[in-house]
PDB file of N, CA and C in Angstrom:
ATOM      1  N   UNK A   1      11.572  71.695 -52.148  1.00  0.00           N
ATOM      2  CA  UNK A   1      12.650  72.166 -51.292  1.00  0.00           C
ATOM      3  C   UNK A   1      12.636  71.452 -49.940  1.00  0.00           C
ATOM      4  N   UNK A   2      11.577  70.703 -49.621  1.00  0.00           N
ATOM      5  CA  UNK A   2      11.482  70.025 -48.332  1.00  0.00           C
ATOM      6  C   UNK A   2      12.359  68.788 -48.247  1.00  0.00           C
ATOM      7  N   UNK A   3      12.545  68.083 -49.361  1.00  0.00           N
ATOM      8  CA  UNK A   3      13.273  66.826 -49.365  1.00  0.00           C
ATOM      9  C   UNK A   3      14.721  67.032 -49.795  1.00  0.00           C
ATOM     10  N   UNK A   4      15.598  66.235 -49.219  1.00  0.00           N
ATOM     11  CA  UNK A   4      17.006  66.276 -49.588  1.00  0.00           C
ATOM     12  C   UNK A   4      17.513  64.848 -49.700  1.00  0.00           C
ATOM     13  N   UNK A   5      18.043  64.480 -50.868  1.00  0.00           N
ATOM     14  CA  UNK A   5      18.581  63.136 -51.020  1.00  0.00           C
ATOM     15  C   UNK A   5      19.834  62.941 -50.172  1.00  0.00           C
ATOM     16  N   UNK A   6      20.450  64.022 -49.736  1.00  0.00           N
ATOM     17  CA  UNK A   6      21.671  63.955 -48.943  1.00  0.00           C
ATOM     18  C   UNK A   6      21.388  64.040 -47.448  1.00  0.00           C
ATOM     19  N   UNK A   7      20.145  64.325 -47.060  1.00  0.00           N
ATOM     20  CA  UNK A   7      19.819  64.460 -45.637  1.00  0.00           C
ATOM     21  C   UNK A   7      20.342  65.760 -45.044  1.00  0.00           C
ATOM     22  N   UNK A   8      20.497  66.780 -45.899  1.00  0.00           N
ATOM     23  CA  UNK A   8      21.031  68.068 -45.462  1.00  0.00           C
ATOM     24  C   UNK A   8      20.058  69.192 -45.806  1.00  0.00           C
ATOM     25  N   UNK A   9      19.966  70.161 -44.903  1.00  0.00           N
ATOM     26  CA  UNK A   9      19.102  71.320 -45.117  1.00  0.00           C
ATOM     27  C   UNK A   9      19.699  72.504 -44.364  1.00  0.00           C
ATOM     28  N   UNK A  10      19.700  73.673 -44.988  1.00  0.00           N
ATOM     29  CA  UNK A  10      20.220  74.866 -44.325  1.00  0.00           C
ATOM     30  C   UNK A  10      19.321  75.206 -43.137  1.00  0.00           C
ATOM     31  N   UNK A  11      19.894  75.330 -41.941  1.00  0.00           N
ATOM     32  CA  UNK A  11      19.086  75.657 -40.771  1.00  0.00           C
ATOM     33  C   UNK A  11      18.591  77.104 -40.765  1.00  0.00           C
ATOM     34  N   UNK A  12      19.159  77.944 -41.605  1.00  0.00           N
ATOM     35  CA  UNK A  12      18.762  79.350 -41.657  1.00  0.00           C
ATOM     36  C   UNK A  12      17.585  79.573 -42.600  1.00  0.00           C
ATOM     37  N   UNK A  13      17.700  79.083 -43.847  1.00  0.00           N
ATOM     38  CA  UNK A  13      16.652  79.358 -44.844  1.00  0.00           C
ATOM     39  C   UNK A  13      15.870  78.118 -45.259  1.00  0.00           C
ATOM     40  N   UNK A  14      16.338  76.931 -44.853  1.00  0.00           N
ATOM     41  CA  UNK A  14      15.652  75.699 -45.224  1.00  0.00           C
ATOM     42  C   UNK A  14      16.023  75.177 -46.592  1.00  0.00           C
ATOM     43  N   UNK A  15      16.983  75.810 -47.259  1.00  0.00           N
ATOM     44  CA  UNK A  15      17.391  75.391 -48.594  1.00  0.00           C
ATOM     45  C   UNK A  15      18.044  74.019 -48.602  1.00  0.00           C
ATOM     46  N   UNK A  16      17.745  73.236 -49.640  1.00  0.00           N
ATOM     47  CA  UNK A  16      18.348  71.911 -49.796  1.00  0.00           C
ATOM     48  C   UNK A  16      19.056  71.746 -51.134  1.00  0.00           C
ATOM     49  N   UNK A  17      18.851  72.674 -52.061  1.00  0.00           N
ATOM     50  CA  UNK A  17      19.373  72.517 -53.419  1.00  0.00           C
ATOM     51  C   UNK A  17      20.741  73.137 -53.650  1.00  0.00           C
ATOM     52  N   UNK A  18      21.012  74.285 -53.088  1.00  0.00           N
ATOM     53  CA  UNK A  18      22.241  75.023 -53.385  1.00  0.00           C
ATOM     54  C   UNK A  18      23.219  74.965 -52.218  1.00  0.00           C
ATOM     55  N   UNK A  19      23.669  73.752 -51.885  1.00  0.00           N
ATOM     56  CA  UNK A  19      24.622  73.555 -50.801  1.00  0.00           C
ATOM     57  C   UNK A  19      25.965  73.153 -51.387  1.00  0.00           C
ATOM     58  N   UNK A  20      27.036  73.716 -50.835  1.00  0.00           N
ATOM     59  CA  UNK A  20      28.395  73.439 -51.306  1.00  0.00           C
ATOM     60  C   UNK A  20      29.220  72.957 -50.117  1.00  0.00           C
ATOM     61  N   UNK A  21      29.873  71.799 -50.268  1.00  0.00           N
ATOM     62  CA  UNK A  21      30.670  71.208 -49.190  1.00  0.00           C
ATOM     63  C   UNK A  21      32.143  71.224 -49.569  1.00  0.00           C
ATOM     64  N   UNK A  22      32.965  71.555 -48.580  1.00  0.00           N
ATOM     65  CA  UNK A  22      34.411  71.452 -48.755  1.00  0.00           C
ATOM     66  C   UNK A  22      34.805  69.989 -48.575  1.00  0.00           C
ATOM     67  N   UNK A  23      35.230  69.344 -49.662  1.00  0.00           N
ATOM     68  CA  UNK A  23      35.573  67.926 -49.633  1.00  0.00           C
ATOM     69  C   UNK A  23      37.083  67.743 -49.760  1.00  0.00           C
ATOM     70  N   UNK A  24      37.531  66.605 -49.261  1.00  0.00           N
ATOM     71  CA  UNK A  24      38.953  66.254 -49.363  1.00  0.00           C
ATOM     72  C   UNK A  24      39.139  65.229 -50.468  1.00  0.00           C
ATOM     73  N   UNK A  25      40.288  65.312 -51.103  1.00  0.00           N
ATOM     74  CA  UNK A  25      40.621  64.343 -52.150  1.00  0.00           C
ATOM     75  C   UNK A  25      42.127  64.074 -52.130  1.00  0.00           C
ATOM     76  N   UNK A  26      42.517  62.918 -52.637  1.00  0.00           N
ATOM     77  CA  UNK A  26      43.922  62.582 -52.798  1.00  0.00           C
ATOM     78  C   UNK A  26      44.295  62.772 -54.253  1.00  0.00           C
ATOM     79  N   UNK A  27      45.420  63.419 -54.495  1.00  0.00           N
ATOM     80  CA  UNK A  27      45.894  63.683 -55.851  1.00  0.00           C
ATOM     81  C   UNK A  27      47.346  63.230 -55.955  1.00  0.00           C
ATOM     82  N   UNK A  28      47.630  62.401 -56.944  1.00  0.00           N
ATOM     83  CA  UNK A  28      49.009  61.968 -57.184  1.00  0.00           C
ATOM     84  C   UNK A  28      49.732  63.039 -57.983  1.00  0.00           C
ATOM     85  N   UNK A  29      50.907  63.416 -57.510  1.00  0.00           N
ATOM     86  CA  UNK A  29      51.740  64.397 -58.214  1.00  0.00           C
ATOM     87  C   UNK A  29      52.736  63.640 -59.085  1.00  0.00           C
ATOM     88  N   UNK A  30      52.739  63.952 -60.352  1.00  0.00           N
ATOM     89  CA  UNK A  30      53.600  63.272 -61.314  1.00  0.00           C
ATOM     90  C   UNK A  30      54.460  64.302 -62.055  1.00  0.00           C
ATOM     91  N   UNK A  31      55.487  63.829 -62.713  1.00  0.00           N
ATOM     92  CA  UNK A  31      56.341  64.736 -63.480  1.00  0.00           C
ATOM     93  C   UNK A  31      55.564  65.432 -64.592  1.00  0.00           C
ATOM     94  N   UNK A  32      54.559  64.752 -65.147  1.00  0.00           N
ATOM     95  CA  UNK A  32      53.785  65.331 -66.251  1.00  0.00           C
ATOM     96  C   UNK A  32      52.453  65.945 -65.802  1.00  0.00           C
ATOM     97  N   UNK A  33      52.260  66.120 -64.495  1.00  0.00           N
ATOM     98  CA  UNK A  33      51.024  66.730 -63.981  1.00  0.00           C
ATOM     99  C   UNK A  33      50.461  65.930 -62.822  1.00  0.00           C
ATOM    100  N   UNK A  34      49.143  65.960 -62.682  1.00  0.00           N
ATOM    101  CA  UNK A  34      48.487  65.246 -61.598  1.00  0.00           C
ATOM    102  C   UNK A  34      47.411  64.317 -62.157  1.00  0.00           C
ATOM    103  N   UNK A  35      46.876  63.483 -61.277  1.00  0.00           N
ATOM    104  CA  UNK A  35      45.769  62.613 -61.677  1.00  0.00           C
ATOM    105  C   UNK A  35      44.440  63.148 -61.134  1.00  0.00           C
ATOM    106  N   UNK A  36      44.367  64.451 -60.946  1.00  0.00           N
ATOM    107  CA  UNK A  36      43.171  65.080 -60.372  1.00  0.00           C
ATOM    108  C   UNK A  36      42.021  65.050 -61.373  1.00  0.00           C
ATOM    109  N   UNK A  37      41.154  64.062 -61.227  1.00  0.00           N
ATOM    110  CA  UNK A  37      40.005  63.983 -62.118  1.00  0.00           C
ATOM    111  C   UNK A  37      38.688  64.236 -61.378  1.00  0.00           C
ATOM    112  N   UNK A  38      38.774  64.465 -60.075  1.00  0.00           N
ATOM    113  CA  UNK A  38      37.584  64.797 -59.307  1.00  0.00           C
ATOM    114  C   UNK A  38      36.702  63.616 -58.949  1.00  0.00           C
ATOM    115  N   UNK A  39      37.148  62.397 -59.190  1.00  0.00           N
ATOM    116  CA  UNK A  39      36.268  61.257 -58.949  1.00  0.00           C
ATOM    117  C   UNK A  39      36.240  60.820 -57.484  1.00  0.00           C
ATOM    118  N   UNK A  40      37.350  60.804 -56.804  1.00  0.00           N
ATOM    119  CA  UNK A  40      37.388  60.365 -55.411  1.00  0.00           C
ATOM    120  C   UNK A  40      37.425  61.565 -54.484  1.00  0.00           C
ATOM    121  N   UNK A  41      36.396  61.677 -53.662  1.00  0.00           N
ATOM    122  CA  UNK A  41      36.336  62.766 -52.690  1.00  0.00           C
ATOM    123  C   UNK A  41      35.523  62.322 -51.491  1.00  0.00           C
ATOM    124  N   UNK A  42      35.703  62.983 -50.376  1.00  0.00           N
ATOM    125  CA  UNK A  42      34.965  62.624 -49.165  1.00  0.00           C
ATOM    126  C   UNK A  42      34.807  63.841 -48.274  1.00  0.00           C
ATOM    127  N   UNK A  43      33.805  63.770 -47.415  1.00  0.00           N
ATOM    128  CA  UNK A  43      33.588  64.779 -46.387  1.00  0.00           C
ATOM    129  C   UNK A  43      33.005  64.086 -45.175  1.00  0.00           C
ATOM    130  N   UNK A  44      32.990  64.802 -44.045  1.00  0.00           N
ATOM    131  CA  UNK A  44      32.404  64.243 -42.832  1.00  0.00           C
ATOM    132  C   UNK A  44      31.620  65.329 -42.101  1.00  0.00           C
ATOM    133  N   UNK A  45      31.173  65.034 -40.895  1.00  0.00           N
ATOM    134  CA  UNK A  45      30.344  65.964 -40.129  1.00  0.00           C
ATOM    135  C   UNK A  45      31.034  67.283 -39.821  1.00  0.00           C
ATOM    136  N   UNK A  46      32.362  67.274 -39.791  1.00  0.00           N
ATOM    137  CA  UNK A  46      33.103  68.490 -39.465  1.00  0.00           C
ATOM    138  C   UNK A  46      33.550  69.287 -40.682  1.00  0.00           C
ATOM    139  N   UNK A  47      33.180  68.832 -41.882  1.00  0.00           N
ATOM    140  CA  UNK A  47      33.522  69.571 -43.097  1.00  0.00           C
ATOM    141  C   UNK A  47      32.689  70.844 -43.173  1.00  0.00           C
ATOM    142  N   UNK A  48      33.236  71.860 -43.809  1.00  0.00           N
ATOM    143  CA  UNK A  48      32.514  73.118 -43.986  1.00  0.00           C
ATOM    144  C   UNK A  48      31.450  72.953 -45.071  1.00  0.00           C
ATOM    145  N   UNK A  49      30.286  73.563 -44.837  1.00  0.00           N
ATOM    146  CA  UNK A  49      29.209  73.565 -45.817  1.00  0.00           C
ATOM    147  C   UNK A  49      28.669  74.983 -45.931  1.00  0.00           C
ATOM    148  N   UNK A  50      28.388  75.417 -47.154  1.00  0.00           N
ATOM    149  CA  UNK A  50      27.849  76.753 -47.417  1.00  0.00           C
ATOM    150  C   UNK A  50      26.516  76.625 -48.123  1.00  0.00           C
ATOM    151  N   UNK A  51      25.577  77.483 -47.760  1.00  0.00           N
ATOM    152  CA  UNK A  51      24.311  77.589 -48.468  1.00  0.00           C
ATOM    153  C   UNK A  51      24.426  78.767 -49.422  1.00  0.00           C
ATOM    154  N   UNK A  52      24.366  78.493 -50.718  1.00  0.00           N
ATOM    155  CA  UNK A  52      24.491  79.543 -51.723  1.00  0.00           C
ATOM    156  C   UNK A  52      23.291  80.486 -51.669  1.00  0.00           C
ATOM    157  N   UNK A  53      22.127  79.942 -51.318  1.00  0.00           N
ATOM    158  CA  UNK A  53      20.896  80.733 -51.314  1.00  0.00           C
ATOM    159  C   UNK A  53      20.937  81.882 -50.300  1.00  0.00           C
ATOM    160  N   UNK A  54      21.391  81.610 -49.058  1.00  0.00           N
ATOM    161  CA  UNK A  54      21.349  82.656 -48.034  1.00  0.00           C
ATOM    162  C   UNK A  54      22.724  83.066 -47.504  1.00  0.00           C
ATOM    163  N   UNK A  55      23.782  82.312 -47.870  1.00  0.00           N
ATOM    164  CA  UNK A  55      25.129  82.659 -47.437  1.00  0.00           C
ATOM    165  C   UNK A  55      25.545  82.062 -46.104  1.00  0.00           C
ATOM    166  N   UNK A  56      24.700  81.233 -45.497  1.00  0.00           N
ATOM    167  CA  UNK A  56      25.038  80.610 -44.219  1.00  0.00           C
ATOM    168  C   UNK A  56      26.194  79.630 -44.408  1.00  0.00           C
ATOM    169  N   UNK A  57      27.168  79.656 -43.478  1.00  0.00           N
ATOM    170  CA  UNK A  57      28.288  78.718 -43.460  1.00  0.00           C
ATOM    171  C   UNK A  57      28.338  78.057 -42.096  1.00  0.00           C
ATOM    172  N   UNK A  58      28.590  76.753 -42.091  1.00  0.00           N
ATOM    173  CA  UNK A  58      28.657  76.023 -40.828  1.00  0.00           C
ATOM    174  C   UNK A  58      29.381  74.705 -41.073  1.00  0.00           C
ATOM    175  N   UNK A  59      29.247  73.786 -40.147  1.00  0.00           N
ATOM    176  CA  UNK A  59      29.757  72.426 -40.292  1.00  0.00           C
ATOM    177  C   UNK A  59      28.611  71.543 -40.780  1.00  0.00           C
ATOM    178  N   UNK A  60      28.933  70.456 -41.472  1.00  0.00           N
ATOM    179  CA  UNK A  60      27.917  69.574 -42.039  1.00  0.00           C
ATOM    180  C   UNK A  60      26.932  69.104 -40.972  1.00  0.00           C
ATOM    181  N   UNK A  61      27.417  68.752 -39.772  1.00  0.00           N
ATOM    182  CA  UNK A  61      26.505  68.246 -38.744  1.00  0.00           C
ATOM    183  C   UNK A  61      25.420  69.257 -38.390  1.00  0.00           C
ATOM    184  N   UNK A  62      25.688  70.544 -38.586  1.00  0.00           N
ATOM    185  CA  UNK A  62      24.699  71.577 -38.284  1.00  0.00           C
ATOM    186  C   UNK A  62      23.621  71.668 -39.370  1.00  0.00           C
ATOM    187  N   UNK A  63      23.877  71.092 -40.535  1.00  0.00           N
ATOM    188  CA  UNK A  63      22.918  71.082 -41.644  1.00  0.00           C
ATOM    189  C   UNK A  63      22.152  69.761 -41.736  1.00  0.00           C
ATOM    190  N   UNK A  64      22.523  68.768 -40.921  1.00  0.00           N
ATOM    191  CA  UNK A  64      21.871  67.472 -41.012  1.00  0.00           C
ATOM    192  C   UNK A  64      20.417  67.576 -40.561  1.00  0.00           C
ATOM    193  N   UNK A  65      19.526  66.969 -41.367  1.00  0.00           N
ATOM    194  CA  UNK A  65      18.101  66.976 -41.048  1.00  0.00           C
ATOM    195  C   UNK A  65      17.867  66.013 -39.895  1.00  0.00           C
ATOM    196  N   UNK A  66      17.246  66.510 -38.861  1.00  0.00           N
ATOM    197  CA  UNK A  66      16.961  65.705 -37.676  1.00  0.00           C
ATOM    198  C   UNK A  66      15.630  64.972 -37.877  1.00  0.00           C
ATOM    199  N   UNK A  67      15.609  63.720 -37.466  1.00  0.00           N
ATOM    200  CA  UNK A  67      14.366  62.936 -37.513  1.00  0.00           C
ATOM    201  C   UNK A  67      13.419  63.495 -36.457  1.00  0.00           C
ATOM    202  N   UNK A  68      12.165  63.739 -36.850  1.00  0.00           N
ATOM    203  CA  UNK A  68      11.166  64.227 -35.913  1.00  0.00           C
ATOM    204  C   UNK A  68      10.579  63.039 -35.178  1.00  0.00           C
ATOM    205  N   UNK A  69      10.869  62.907 -33.902  1.00  0.00           N
ATOM    206  CA  UNK A  69      10.436  61.752 -33.129  1.00  0.00           C
ATOM    207  C   UNK A  69       8.951  61.807 -32.765  1.00  0.00           C
ATOM    208  N   UNK A  70       8.289  62.931 -33.013  1.00  0.00           N
ATOM    209  CA  UNK A  70       6.875  63.057 -32.661  1.00  0.00           C
ATOM    210  C   UNK A  70       5.957  62.485 -33.722  1.00  0.00           C
ATOM    211  N   UNK A  71       6.492  62.093 -34.873  1.00  0.00           N
ATOM    212  CA  UNK A  71       5.639  61.553 -35.952  1.00  0.00           C
ATOM    213  C   UNK A  71       5.429  60.082 -35.793  1.00  0.00           C
TER     214      UNK A  71
END
């Protein structure tokens, strides 16, 4: 639970596995439906992020793991 491949950790409980981010995507609207296949998406520091483990909600920048300069 200490490591995160995304560089994100819940500041409340320390969770790194059960994080959900609100991402943006572009979807083409067509007469026969959409091209929403979930492949292209993005988020930034101001996107909402939720920790499923403890229920904490914040902005992504608040979940970013800070480098410890004392090491």
